[in-house]
Amino acid sequence: MLARHEKITKTEVFFMLSEIFCAGISGIDGYIVTAECNSTNMLPAFEIVGLPDAAVKESRERIKAAIENSGYKFPELSIVLNLAPADKKKEGSAYDLAMMTGVLAAGGVIGRGVGFEDKCFVGEISLSGVVRPVRGVLSMCAAARDAGIKEFYVAAENAAEASVVEGVDVYPVKNASELVSHLNGKS
């Protein structure tokens, strides 16, 4: 119980949830993964959940460094990234680009008006923000198309492979800055 002279101060808590599509590979089959990025203005933290393997867990450090080395400020927020479906093991670095995109959207670097519902992001992120190629892009792009996704963002080195899939516009991405510029309508 509060004494009469104590004031109750209320700090407004906000949160933002973005859902960014990426894709994984199981054997030779691709499947869609949703990178759900929830951010709140609580104590800064960055967690990845959804049955990630060691390479996926390590992406936290790659994403932080890539954002900062690309000239952006890593958001001082509590960020939880869930890779859904949570019951399927996520392996490798192909989820990096989607997770970084979610963090950049949470931090306001990517404008609030960008719609992600028909976009899929696949690629590994280097510490400098360069997007690196991954294996299995053909199967991942086919899975994206089958899920109704219209735009597929991938490392420039994987663009030719992804372009074999009809019905999807493939966007080669060289680095984080190029992606941000494109999504914000500046290039």
N, C-alpha and C. Protein backbone atom coordinates (compact mmCIF):
# COMPACT_ATOMS: atom_id res chain seq x y z
N MET A 1 0.84 -1.17 0.00
CA MET A 1 0.00 0.00 0.00
C MET A 1 0.89 1.24 0.00
N LEU A 2 0.49 2.24 -0.76
CA LEU A 2 1.28 3.46 -0.90
C LEU A 2 0.99 4.43 0.24
N ALA A 3 2.03 5.09 0.72
CA ALA A 3 1.84 6.16 1.70
C ALA A 3 1.19 7.34 0.99
N ARG A 4 0.56 8.22 1.70
CA ARG A 4 -0.18 9.33 1.10
C ARG A 4 0.69 10.26 0.27
N HIS A 5 1.94 10.40 0.64
CA HIS A 5 2.78 11.35 -0.06
C HIS A 5 3.47 10.77 -1.31
N GLU A 6 3.39 9.47 -1.52
CA GLU A 6 4.02 8.87 -2.69
C GLU A 6 3.16 9.08 -3.93
N LYS A 7 3.81 9.36 -5.02
CA LYS A 7 3.11 9.52 -6.30
C LYS A 7 3.28 8.25 -7.12
N ILE A 8 2.26 7.93 -7.82
CA ILE A 8 2.36 6.83 -8.76
C ILE A 8 2.67 7.44 -10.12
N THR A 9 3.80 7.06 -10.67
CA THR A 9 4.14 7.53 -12.00
C THR A 9 3.92 6.39 -12.97
N LYS A 10 3.32 6.73 -14.07
CA LYS A 10 3.00 5.72 -15.06
C LYS A 10 3.84 5.98 -16.30
N THR A 11 4.64 5.02 -16.65
CA THR A 11 5.41 5.12 -17.88
C THR A 11 4.65 4.36 -18.95
N GLU A 12 4.45 5.01 -20.05
CA GLU A 12 3.72 4.36 -21.13
C GLU A 12 4.62 3.34 -21.81
N VAL A 13 4.12 2.13 -21.92
CA VAL A 13 4.84 1.06 -22.59
C VAL A 13 4.24 0.89 -23.96
N PHE A 14 5.09 0.85 -24.97
CA PHE A 14 4.59 0.58 -26.31
C PHE A 14 5.22 -0.70 -26.81
N PHE A 15 4.56 -1.30 -27.78
CA PHE A 15 5.14 -2.46 -28.41
C PHE A 15 4.82 -2.42 -29.90
N MET A 16 5.62 -3.12 -30.65
CA MET A 16 5.41 -3.23 -32.08
C MET A 16 5.67 -4.67 -32.48
N LEU A 17 4.81 -5.20 -33.29
CA LEU A 17 4.98 -6.56 -33.80
C LEU A 17 5.05 -6.49 -35.31
N SER A 18 6.10 -7.04 -35.86
CA SER A 18 6.18 -7.15 -37.32
C SER A 18 6.39 -8.61 -37.67
N GLU A 19 5.82 -9.00 -38.78
CA GLU A 19 5.97 -10.37 -39.26
C GLU A 19 6.65 -10.32 -40.62
N ILE A 20 7.84 -10.90 -40.68
CA ILE A 20 8.64 -10.90 -41.88
C ILE A 20 8.80 -12.36 -42.32
N PHE A 21 8.50 -12.63 -43.59
CA PHE A 21 8.62 -13.99 -44.08
C PHE A 21 10.04 -14.30 -44.54
N CYS A 22 10.47 -15.50 -44.23
CA CYS A 22 11.72 -16.04 -44.75
C CYS A 22 11.43 -17.50 -45.09
N ALA A 23 12.45 -18.24 -45.41
CA ALA A 23 12.23 -19.63 -45.79
C ALA A 23 13.37 -20.48 -45.27
N GLY A 24 13.06 -21.73 -45.04
CA GLY A 24 14.05 -22.71 -44.61
C GLY A 24 14.05 -23.87 -45.57
N ILE A 25 14.91 -24.81 -45.31
CA ILE A 25 15.03 -25.99 -46.16
C ILE A 25 15.03 -27.23 -45.29
N SER A 26 14.27 -28.22 -45.70
CA SER A 26 14.22 -29.50 -45.00
C SER A 26 14.44 -30.57 -46.06
N GLY A 27 15.63 -31.15 -46.07
CA GLY A 27 15.98 -32.07 -47.15
C GLY A 27 16.16 -31.26 -48.42
N ILE A 28 15.29 -31.51 -49.41
CA ILE A 28 15.32 -30.70 -50.64
C ILE A 28 14.10 -29.80 -50.75
N ASP A 29 13.24 -29.85 -49.76
CA ASP A 29 12.01 -29.07 -49.79
C ASP A 29 12.16 -27.77 -49.00
N GLY A 30 11.65 -26.70 -49.57
CA GLY A 30 11.62 -25.43 -48.88
C GLY A 30 10.34 -25.29 -48.09
N TYR A 31 10.36 -24.47 -47.07
CA TYR A 31 9.15 -24.19 -46.30
C TYR A 31 9.24 -22.75 -45.80
N ILE A 32 8.09 -22.13 -45.58
CA ILE A 32 8.01 -20.75 -45.13
C ILE A 32 8.17 -20.68 -43.62
N VAL A 33 8.94 -19.70 -43.19
CA VAL A 33 9.14 -19.41 -41.77
C VAL A 33 8.75 -17.96 -41.57
N THR A 34 8.04 -17.68 -40.51
CA THR A 34 7.67 -16.30 -40.17
C THR A 34 8.58 -15.82 -39.04
N ALA A 35 9.31 -14.76 -39.31
CA ALA A 35 10.14 -14.14 -38.27
C ALA A 35 9.28 -13.07 -37.62
N GLU A 36 8.73 -13.40 -36.46
CA GLU A 36 7.89 -12.45 -35.72
C GLU A 36 8.79 -11.64 -34.80
N CYS A 37 8.82 -10.35 -35.03
CA CYS A 37 9.68 -9.47 -34.24
C CYS A 37 8.81 -8.61 -33.34
N ASN A 38 8.88 -8.86 -32.04
CA ASN A 38 8.13 -8.07 -31.07
C ASN A 38 9.12 -7.17 -30.33
N SER A 39 8.82 -5.89 -30.31
CA SER A 39 9.71 -4.96 -29.61
C SER A 39 8.90 -4.10 -28.65
N THR A 40 9.49 -3.86 -27.48
CA THR A 40 8.87 -3.00 -26.47
C THR A 40 9.94 -2.05 -25.93
N ASN A 41 9.49 -0.95 -25.34
CA ASN A 41 10.44 0.01 -24.79
C ASN A 41 10.80 -0.34 -23.34
N MET A 42 11.08 -1.58 -23.12
CA MET A 42 11.55 -2.06 -21.82
C MET A 42 13.08 -2.07 -21.85
N LEU A 43 13.71 -2.67 -20.86
CA LEU A 43 15.17 -2.77 -20.83
C LEU A 43 15.68 -3.44 -22.10
N PRO A 44 16.72 -2.88 -22.72
CA PRO A 44 17.22 -3.46 -23.97
C PRO A 44 17.63 -4.93 -23.82
N ALA A 45 17.16 -5.73 -24.76
CA ALA A 45 17.49 -7.15 -24.82
C ALA A 45 17.23 -7.60 -26.25
N PHE A 46 17.80 -8.73 -26.61
CA PHE A 46 17.62 -9.27 -27.96
C PHE A 46 17.66 -10.78 -27.85
N GLU A 47 16.52 -11.43 -28.00
CA GLU A 47 16.41 -12.88 -27.88
C GLU A 47 15.82 -13.47 -29.15
N ILE A 48 16.28 -14.66 -29.50
CA ILE A 48 15.74 -15.40 -30.64
C ILE A 48 15.20 -16.71 -30.11
N VAL A 49 13.92 -16.99 -30.41
CA VAL A 49 13.28 -18.22 -29.97
C VAL A 49 12.66 -18.90 -31.19
N GLY A 50 12.16 -20.12 -31.00
CA GLY A 50 11.53 -20.84 -32.09
C GLY A 50 12.38 -22.01 -32.57
N LEU A 51 13.07 -22.66 -31.66
CA LEU A 51 13.92 -23.82 -31.92
C LEU A 51 15.09 -23.52 -32.86
N PRO A 52 15.87 -22.46 -32.54
CA PRO A 52 17.03 -22.12 -33.38
C PRO A 52 18.24 -22.99 -33.05
N ASP A 53 19.03 -23.32 -34.08
CA ASP A 53 20.29 -24.01 -33.82
C ASP A 53 21.36 -22.98 -33.49
N ALA A 54 22.61 -23.41 -33.32
CA ALA A 54 23.69 -22.50 -32.91
C ALA A 54 23.91 -21.39 -33.93
N ALA A 55 23.85 -21.70 -35.23
CA ALA A 55 24.07 -20.68 -36.26
C ALA A 55 22.99 -19.60 -36.20
N VAL A 56 21.76 -19.99 -35.92
CA VAL A 56 20.67 -19.02 -35.82
C VAL A 56 20.84 -18.18 -34.56
N LYS A 57 21.20 -18.79 -33.45
CA LYS A 57 21.43 -18.04 -32.21
C LYS A 57 22.55 -17.02 -32.37
N GLU A 58 23.60 -17.41 -33.10
CA GLU A 58 24.73 -16.51 -33.33
C GLU A 58 24.36 -15.33 -34.21
N SER A 59 23.26 -15.42 -34.92
CA SER A 59 22.86 -14.32 -35.81
C SER A 59 22.58 -13.04 -35.03
N ARG A 60 22.29 -13.14 -33.74
CA ARG A 60 22.09 -11.93 -32.92
C ARG A 60 23.28 -11.00 -33.06
N GLU A 61 24.47 -11.56 -32.93
CA GLU A 61 25.68 -10.73 -33.00
C GLU A 61 25.93 -10.23 -34.42
N ARG A 62 25.67 -11.08 -35.43
CA ARG A 62 25.84 -10.65 -36.81
C ARG A 62 24.89 -9.50 -37.14
N ILE A 63 23.65 -9.61 -36.69
CA ILE A 63 22.64 -8.60 -36.98
C ILE A 63 22.99 -7.28 -36.30
N LYS A 64 23.37 -7.33 -35.03
CA LYS A 64 23.76 -6.10 -34.31
C LYS A 64 24.91 -5.40 -35.02
N ALA A 65 25.95 -6.15 -35.33
CA ALA A 65 27.12 -5.56 -35.99
C ALA A 65 26.77 -5.04 -37.37
N ALA A 66 25.98 -5.78 -38.14
CA ALA A 66 25.61 -5.37 -39.49
C ALA A 66 24.82 -4.07 -39.48
N ILE A 67 23.90 -3.93 -38.54
CA ILE A 67 23.10 -2.71 -38.44
C ILE A 67 24.01 -1.53 -38.11
N GLU A 68 24.84 -1.68 -37.11
CA GLU A 68 25.73 -0.59 -36.69
C GLU A 68 26.78 -0.26 -37.75
N ASN A 69 27.35 -1.28 -38.40
CA ASN A 69 28.36 -1.04 -39.43
C ASN A 69 27.77 -0.53 -40.74
N SER A 70 26.45 -0.57 -40.85
CA SER A 70 25.77 0.00 -42.02
C SER A 70 25.35 1.44 -41.76
N GLY A 71 25.69 1.96 -40.58
CA GLY A 71 25.42 3.36 -40.26
C GLY A 71 24.11 3.62 -39.54
N TYR A 72 23.46 2.56 -39.07
CA TYR A 72 22.20 2.72 -38.34
C TYR A 72 22.44 2.43 -36.86
N LYS A 73 21.54 2.92 -36.03
CA LYS A 73 21.64 2.68 -34.59
C LYS A 73 20.81 1.44 -34.26
N PHE A 74 21.41 0.51 -33.55
CA PHE A 74 20.65 -0.65 -33.11
C PHE A 74 19.63 -0.18 -32.08
N PRO A 75 18.35 -0.52 -32.25
CA PRO A 75 17.32 0.01 -31.35
C PRO A 75 17.52 -0.42 -29.89
N GLU A 76 17.38 0.54 -28.99
CA GLU A 76 17.47 0.25 -27.56
C GLU A 76 16.10 -0.17 -27.06
N LEU A 77 15.71 -1.36 -27.45
CA LEU A 77 14.41 -1.93 -27.14
C LEU A 77 14.58 -3.35 -26.64
N SER A 78 13.55 -3.88 -26.06
CA SER A 78 13.52 -5.30 -25.74
C SER A 78 12.93 -5.99 -26.97
N ILE A 79 13.74 -6.81 -27.63
CA ILE A 79 13.33 -7.44 -28.88
C ILE A 79 13.32 -8.94 -28.71
N VAL A 80 12.20 -9.55 -29.09
CA VAL A 80 12.09 -11.00 -29.12
C VAL A 80 11.74 -11.37 -30.55
N LEU A 81 12.57 -12.21 -31.14
CA LEU A 81 12.32 -12.73 -32.49
C LEU A 81 11.91 -14.19 -32.38
N ASN A 82 10.72 -14.49 -32.84
CA ASN A 82 10.24 -15.86 -32.84
C ASN A 82 10.22 -16.37 -34.28
N LEU A 83 10.87 -17.50 -34.50
CA LEU A 83 10.86 -18.13 -35.82
C LEU A 83 9.79 -19.22 -35.81
N ALA A 84 8.68 -18.93 -36.49
CA ALA A 84 7.54 -19.85 -36.50
C ALA A 84 7.47 -20.60 -37.82
N PRO A 85 7.14 -21.86 -37.81
CA PRO A 85 6.58 -22.61 -36.70
C PRO A 85 7.65 -22.96 -35.65
N ALA A 86 7.28 -22.81 -34.40
CA ALA A 86 8.22 -22.98 -33.30
C ALA A 86 8.61 -24.43 -33.07
N ASP A 87 7.84 -25.37 -33.59
CA ASP A 87 8.15 -26.78 -33.35
C ASP A 87 9.07 -27.39 -34.40
N LYS A 88 9.52 -26.60 -35.38
CA LYS A 88 10.42 -27.09 -36.42
C LYS A 88 11.80 -26.50 -36.22
N LYS A 89 12.83 -27.34 -36.13
CA LYS A 89 14.21 -26.88 -35.90
C LYS A 89 14.66 -25.97 -37.04
N LYS A 90 15.20 -24.80 -36.70
CA LYS A 90 15.72 -23.84 -37.69
C LYS A 90 17.24 -23.97 -37.70
N GLU A 91 17.78 -24.25 -38.88
CA GLU A 91 19.22 -24.45 -39.02
C GLU A 91 19.79 -23.50 -40.06
N GLY A 92 20.99 -23.04 -39.80
CA GLY A 92 21.70 -22.23 -40.78
C GLY A 92 21.48 -20.74 -40.64
N SER A 93 22.02 -20.02 -41.61
CA SER A 93 22.02 -18.56 -41.55
C SER A 93 21.04 -17.89 -42.52
N ALA A 94 20.22 -18.66 -43.19
CA ALA A 94 19.30 -18.11 -44.20
C ALA A 94 18.25 -17.16 -43.61
N TYR A 95 18.04 -17.20 -42.31
CA TYR A 95 17.03 -16.37 -41.66
C TYR A 95 17.54 -14.98 -41.30
N ASP A 96 18.85 -14.77 -41.40
CA ASP A 96 19.47 -13.50 -40.99
C ASP A 96 18.81 -12.28 -41.62
N LEU A 97 18.62 -12.31 -42.93
CA LEU A 97 18.10 -11.13 -43.64
C LEU A 97 16.71 -10.76 -43.15
N ALA A 98 15.86 -11.75 -42.95
CA ALA A 98 14.50 -11.49 -42.46
C ALA A 98 14.53 -10.95 -41.03
N MET A 99 15.37 -11.54 -40.18
CA MET A 99 15.44 -11.08 -38.79
C MET A 99 15.98 -9.66 -38.72
N MET A 100 17.00 -9.36 -39.51
CA MET A 100 17.54 -8.00 -39.53
C MET A 100 16.49 -7.00 -40.02
N THR A 101 15.72 -7.41 -41.02
CA THR A 101 14.66 -6.54 -41.54
C THR A 101 13.63 -6.24 -40.46
N GLY A 102 13.28 -7.23 -39.66
CA GLY A 102 12.36 -7.03 -38.55
C GLY A 102 12.89 -6.06 -37.52
N VAL A 103 14.17 -6.19 -37.19
CA VAL A 103 14.80 -5.30 -36.21
C VAL A 103 14.85 -3.87 -36.76
N LEU A 104 15.20 -3.71 -38.04
CA LEU A 104 15.24 -2.38 -38.65
C LEU A 104 13.85 -1.75 -38.70
N ALA A 105 12.83 -2.55 -38.92
CA ALA A 105 11.46 -2.03 -38.90
C ALA A 105 11.07 -1.62 -37.47
N ALA A 106 11.45 -2.44 -36.48
CA ALA A 106 11.15 -2.13 -35.08
C ALA A 106 11.81 -0.83 -34.65
N GLY A 107 13.01 -0.58 -35.14
CA GLY A 107 13.75 0.63 -34.78
C GLY A 107 13.37 1.84 -35.60
N GLY A 108 12.44 1.70 -36.53
CA GLY A 108 11.98 2.82 -37.33
C GLY A 108 12.89 3.17 -38.50
N VAL A 109 13.91 2.37 -38.75
CA VAL A 109 14.80 2.62 -39.89
C VAL A 109 14.06 2.34 -41.19
N ILE A 110 13.27 1.28 -41.19
CA ILE A 110 12.38 1.00 -42.31
C ILE A 110 11.03 1.59 -41.96
N GLY A 111 10.47 2.39 -42.85
CA GLY A 111 9.23 3.12 -42.58
C GLY A 111 8.06 2.24 -42.20
N ARG A 112 7.20 2.78 -41.38
CA ARG A 112 6.02 2.05 -40.89
C ARG A 112 5.05 1.65 -42.00
N GLY A 113 5.07 2.35 -43.12
CA GLY A 113 4.13 2.08 -44.19
C GLY A 113 4.52 0.92 -45.10
N VAL A 114 5.69 0.34 -44.88
CA VAL A 114 6.13 -0.77 -45.73
C VAL A 114 5.33 -2.01 -45.38
N GLY A 115 4.69 -2.60 -46.37
CA GLY A 115 3.93 -3.83 -46.16
C GLY A 115 4.82 -5.03 -46.43
N PHE A 116 4.86 -5.96 -45.50
CA PHE A 116 5.71 -7.13 -45.64
C PHE A 116 4.94 -8.40 -45.99
N GLU A 117 3.62 -8.31 -46.13
CA GLU A 117 2.79 -9.50 -46.29
C GLU A 117 3.06 -10.30 -47.56
N ASP A 118 3.66 -9.69 -48.58
CA ASP A 118 3.93 -10.42 -49.82
C ASP A 118 5.42 -10.47 -50.15
N LYS A 119 6.27 -10.32 -49.13
CA LYS A 119 7.72 -10.30 -49.32
C LYS A 119 8.38 -11.41 -48.50
N CYS A 120 9.45 -11.98 -49.07
CA CYS A 120 10.22 -13.02 -48.39
C CYS A 120 11.69 -12.64 -48.47
N PHE A 121 12.42 -12.78 -47.36
CA PHE A 121 13.81 -12.37 -47.27
C PHE A 121 14.67 -13.56 -46.89
N VAL A 122 15.68 -13.87 -47.72
CA VAL A 122 16.54 -15.03 -47.47
C VAL A 122 17.99 -14.62 -47.70
N GLY A 123 18.84 -14.83 -46.72
CA GLY A 123 20.26 -14.55 -46.89
C GLY A 123 20.98 -14.45 -45.56
N GLU A 124 22.26 -14.69 -45.59
CA GLU A 124 23.12 -14.53 -44.43
C GLU A 124 23.64 -13.10 -44.40
N ILE A 125 23.79 -12.55 -43.20
CA ILE A 125 24.31 -11.20 -43.03
C ILE A 125 25.73 -11.26 -42.48
N SER A 126 26.62 -10.51 -43.12
CA SER A 126 28.00 -10.41 -42.60
C SER A 126 28.04 -9.30 -41.57
N LEU A 127 29.12 -9.21 -40.83
CA LEU A 127 29.28 -8.17 -39.82
C LEU A 127 29.27 -6.77 -40.43
N SER A 128 29.65 -6.67 -41.69
CA SER A 128 29.68 -5.37 -42.36
C SER A 128 28.34 -4.99 -42.98
N GLY A 129 27.37 -5.92 -42.98
CA GLY A 129 26.07 -5.65 -43.57
C GLY A 129 25.90 -6.20 -44.97
N VAL A 130 26.92 -6.88 -45.47
CA VAL A 130 26.84 -7.51 -46.79
C VAL A 130 25.94 -8.75 -46.68
N VAL A 131 25.09 -8.94 -47.70
CA VAL A 131 24.22 -10.11 -47.73
C VAL A 131 24.94 -11.23 -48.48
N ARG A 132 25.12 -12.36 -47.81
CA ARG A 132 25.83 -13.49 -48.37
C ARG A 132 24.86 -14.56 -48.88
N PRO A 133 25.29 -15.32 -49.88
CA PRO A 133 24.41 -16.37 -50.42
C PRO A 133 24.26 -17.54 -49.45
N VAL A 134 23.16 -18.28 -49.65
CA VAL A 134 22.89 -19.49 -48.87
C VAL A 134 22.51 -20.61 -49.83
N ARG A 135 22.51 -21.82 -49.32
CA ARG A 135 22.13 -22.98 -50.14
C ARG A 135 20.63 -23.21 -50.08
N GLY A 136 20.07 -23.78 -51.16
CA GLY A 136 18.66 -24.17 -51.19
C GLY A 136 17.70 -23.09 -51.63
N VAL A 137 18.21 -22.03 -52.26
CA VAL A 137 17.37 -20.89 -52.62
C VAL A 137 16.27 -21.26 -53.62
N LEU A 138 16.55 -22.17 -54.55
CA LEU A 138 15.53 -22.57 -55.54
C LEU A 138 14.31 -23.16 -54.83
N SER A 139 14.53 -24.07 -53.90
CA SER A 139 13.43 -24.69 -53.16
C SER A 139 12.72 -23.67 -52.27
N MET A 140 13.49 -22.77 -51.66
CA MET A 140 12.90 -21.74 -50.80
C MET A 140 12.02 -20.79 -51.61
N CYS A 141 12.50 -20.40 -52.78
CA CYS A 141 11.74 -19.47 -53.61
C CYS A 141 10.45 -20.13 -54.12
N ALA A 142 10.53 -21.42 -54.46
CA ALA A 142 9.34 -22.14 -54.90
C ALA A 142 8.32 -22.22 -53.76
N ALA A 143 8.79 -22.46 -52.54
CA ALA A 143 7.88 -22.50 -51.38
C ALA A 143 7.25 -21.13 -51.15
N ALA A 144 8.02 -20.07 -51.35
CA ALA A 144 7.49 -18.72 -51.19
C ALA A 144 6.39 -18.45 -52.22
N ARG A 145 6.65 -18.81 -53.46
CA ARG A 145 5.65 -18.63 -54.51
C ARG A 145 4.38 -19.40 -54.17
N ASP A 146 4.53 -20.65 -53.74
CA ASP A 146 3.38 -21.49 -53.41
C ASP A 146 2.59 -20.93 -52.23
N ALA A 147 3.23 -20.12 -51.40
CA ALA A 147 2.56 -19.49 -50.25
C ALA A 147 1.93 -18.14 -50.62
N GLY A 148 2.03 -17.76 -51.90
CA GLY A 148 1.41 -16.51 -52.35
C GLY A 148 2.31 -15.29 -52.24
N ILE A 149 3.59 -15.50 -51.98
CA ILE A 149 4.52 -14.38 -51.87
C ILE A 149 4.90 -13.91 -53.27
N LYS A 150 4.94 -12.60 -53.46
CA LYS A 150 5.21 -12.01 -54.78
C LYS A 150 6.62 -11.49 -54.94
N GLU A 151 7.29 -11.11 -53.83
CA GLU A 151 8.62 -10.52 -53.89
C GLU A 151 9.59 -11.36 -53.05
N PHE A 152 10.72 -11.72 -53.65
CA PHE A 152 11.72 -12.56 -53.00
C PHE A 152 13.03 -11.81 -52.98
N TYR A 153 13.52 -11.45 -51.78
CA TYR A 153 14.76 -10.70 -51.58
C TYR A 153 15.85 -11.68 -51.18
N VAL A 154 16.95 -11.66 -51.92
CA VAL A 154 17.98 -12.67 -51.74
C VAL A 154 19.35 -12.06 -52.06
N ALA A 155 20.42 -12.69 -51.58
CA ALA A 155 21.78 -12.24 -51.90
C ALA A 155 21.94 -12.19 -53.41
N ALA A 156 22.67 -11.19 -53.89
CA ALA A 156 22.87 -11.01 -55.33
C ALA A 156 23.40 -12.29 -55.98
N GLU A 157 24.25 -13.03 -55.28
CA GLU A 157 24.81 -14.26 -55.83
C GLU A 157 23.76 -15.37 -55.99
N ASN A 158 22.65 -15.29 -55.29
CA ASN A 158 21.58 -16.28 -55.40
C ASN A 158 20.46 -15.87 -56.35
N ALA A 159 20.52 -14.65 -56.89
CA ALA A 159 19.41 -14.12 -57.68
C ALA A 159 19.12 -14.94 -58.93
N ALA A 160 20.15 -15.36 -59.64
CA ALA A 160 19.93 -16.14 -60.87
C ALA A 160 19.22 -17.45 -60.56
N GLU A 161 19.62 -18.12 -59.48
CA GLU A 161 18.98 -19.37 -59.08
C GLU A 161 17.51 -19.15 -58.73
N ALA A 162 17.22 -18.11 -57.96
CA ALA A 162 15.84 -17.82 -57.56
C ALA A 162 14.99 -17.41 -58.76
N SER A 163 15.59 -16.77 -59.75
CA SER A 163 14.86 -16.28 -60.91
C SER A 163 14.28 -17.39 -61.78
N VAL A 164 14.72 -18.62 -61.57
CA VAL A 164 14.17 -19.75 -62.31
C VAL A 164 12.71 -19.98 -61.95
N VAL A 165 12.33 -19.60 -60.75
CA VAL A 165 10.95 -19.79 -60.27
C VAL A 165 10.06 -18.72 -60.88
N GLU A 166 9.04 -19.15 -61.61
CA GLU A 166 8.12 -18.21 -62.24
C GLU A 166 7.06 -17.74 -61.24
N GLY A 167 6.60 -16.51 -61.44
CA GLY A 167 5.53 -15.98 -60.60
C GLY A 167 6.01 -15.21 -59.38
N VAL A 168 7.32 -14.99 -59.27
CA VAL A 168 7.89 -14.26 -58.15
C VAL A 168 8.90 -13.25 -58.70
N ASP A 169 8.82 -12.02 -58.22
CA ASP A 169 9.82 -11.02 -58.57
C ASP A 169 10.99 -11.17 -57.63
N VAL A 170 12.18 -11.37 -58.19
CA VAL A 170 13.39 -11.58 -57.39
C VAL A 170 14.18 -10.28 -57.31
N TYR A 171 14.54 -9.89 -56.10
CA TYR A 171 15.32 -8.68 -55.85
C TYR A 171 16.68 -9.07 -55.28
N PRO A 172 17.76 -8.87 -56.05
CA PRO A 172 19.09 -9.15 -55.51
C PRO A 172 19.50 -8.05 -54.54
N VAL A 173 20.00 -8.45 -53.37
CA VAL A 173 20.38 -7.49 -52.34
C VAL A 173 21.87 -7.66 -52.04
N LYS A 174 22.61 -6.57 -52.16
CA LYS A 174 24.05 -6.61 -51.89
C LYS A 174 24.37 -6.35 -50.42
N ASN A 175 23.61 -5.42 -49.79
CA ASN A 175 23.91 -5.07 -48.40
C ASN A 175 22.69 -4.47 -47.71
N ALA A 176 22.82 -4.26 -46.42
CA ALA A 176 21.71 -3.75 -45.61
C ALA A 176 21.27 -2.36 -46.06
N SER A 177 22.21 -1.49 -46.37
CA SER A 177 21.86 -0.12 -46.79
C SER A 177 21.04 -0.12 -48.07
N GLU A 178 21.41 -0.98 -49.01
CA GLU A 178 20.68 -1.09 -50.27
C GLU A 178 19.24 -1.57 -50.02
N LEU A 179 19.07 -2.53 -49.12
CA LEU A 179 17.75 -3.03 -48.79
C LEU A 179 16.89 -1.95 -48.15
N VAL A 180 17.44 -1.23 -47.17
CA VAL A 180 16.69 -0.17 -46.49
C VAL A 180 16.28 0.90 -47.49
N SER A 181 17.19 1.30 -48.35
CA SER A 181 16.90 2.32 -49.36
C SER A 181 15.77 1.87 -50.28
N HIS A 182 15.80 0.62 -50.71
CA HIS A 182 14.74 0.10 -51.59
C HIS A 182 13.39 0.05 -50.87
N LEU A 183 13.37 -0.51 -49.67
CA LEU A 183 12.09 -0.67 -48.96
C LEU A 183 11.48 0.68 -48.58
N ASN A 184 12.33 1.68 -48.36
CA ASN A 184 11.82 3.03 -48.04
C ASN A 184 11.50 3.85 -49.29
N GLY A 185 11.63 3.21 -50.47
CA GLY A 185 11.26 3.87 -51.71
C GLY A 185 12.26 4.90 -52.21
N LYS A 186 13.51 4.81 -51.75
CA LYS A 186 14.52 5.78 -52.14
C LYS A 186 15.38 5.30 -53.30
N SER A 187 15.30 4.04 -53.66
CA SER A 187 16.05 3.53 -54.81
C SER A 187 15.27 2.44 -55.49
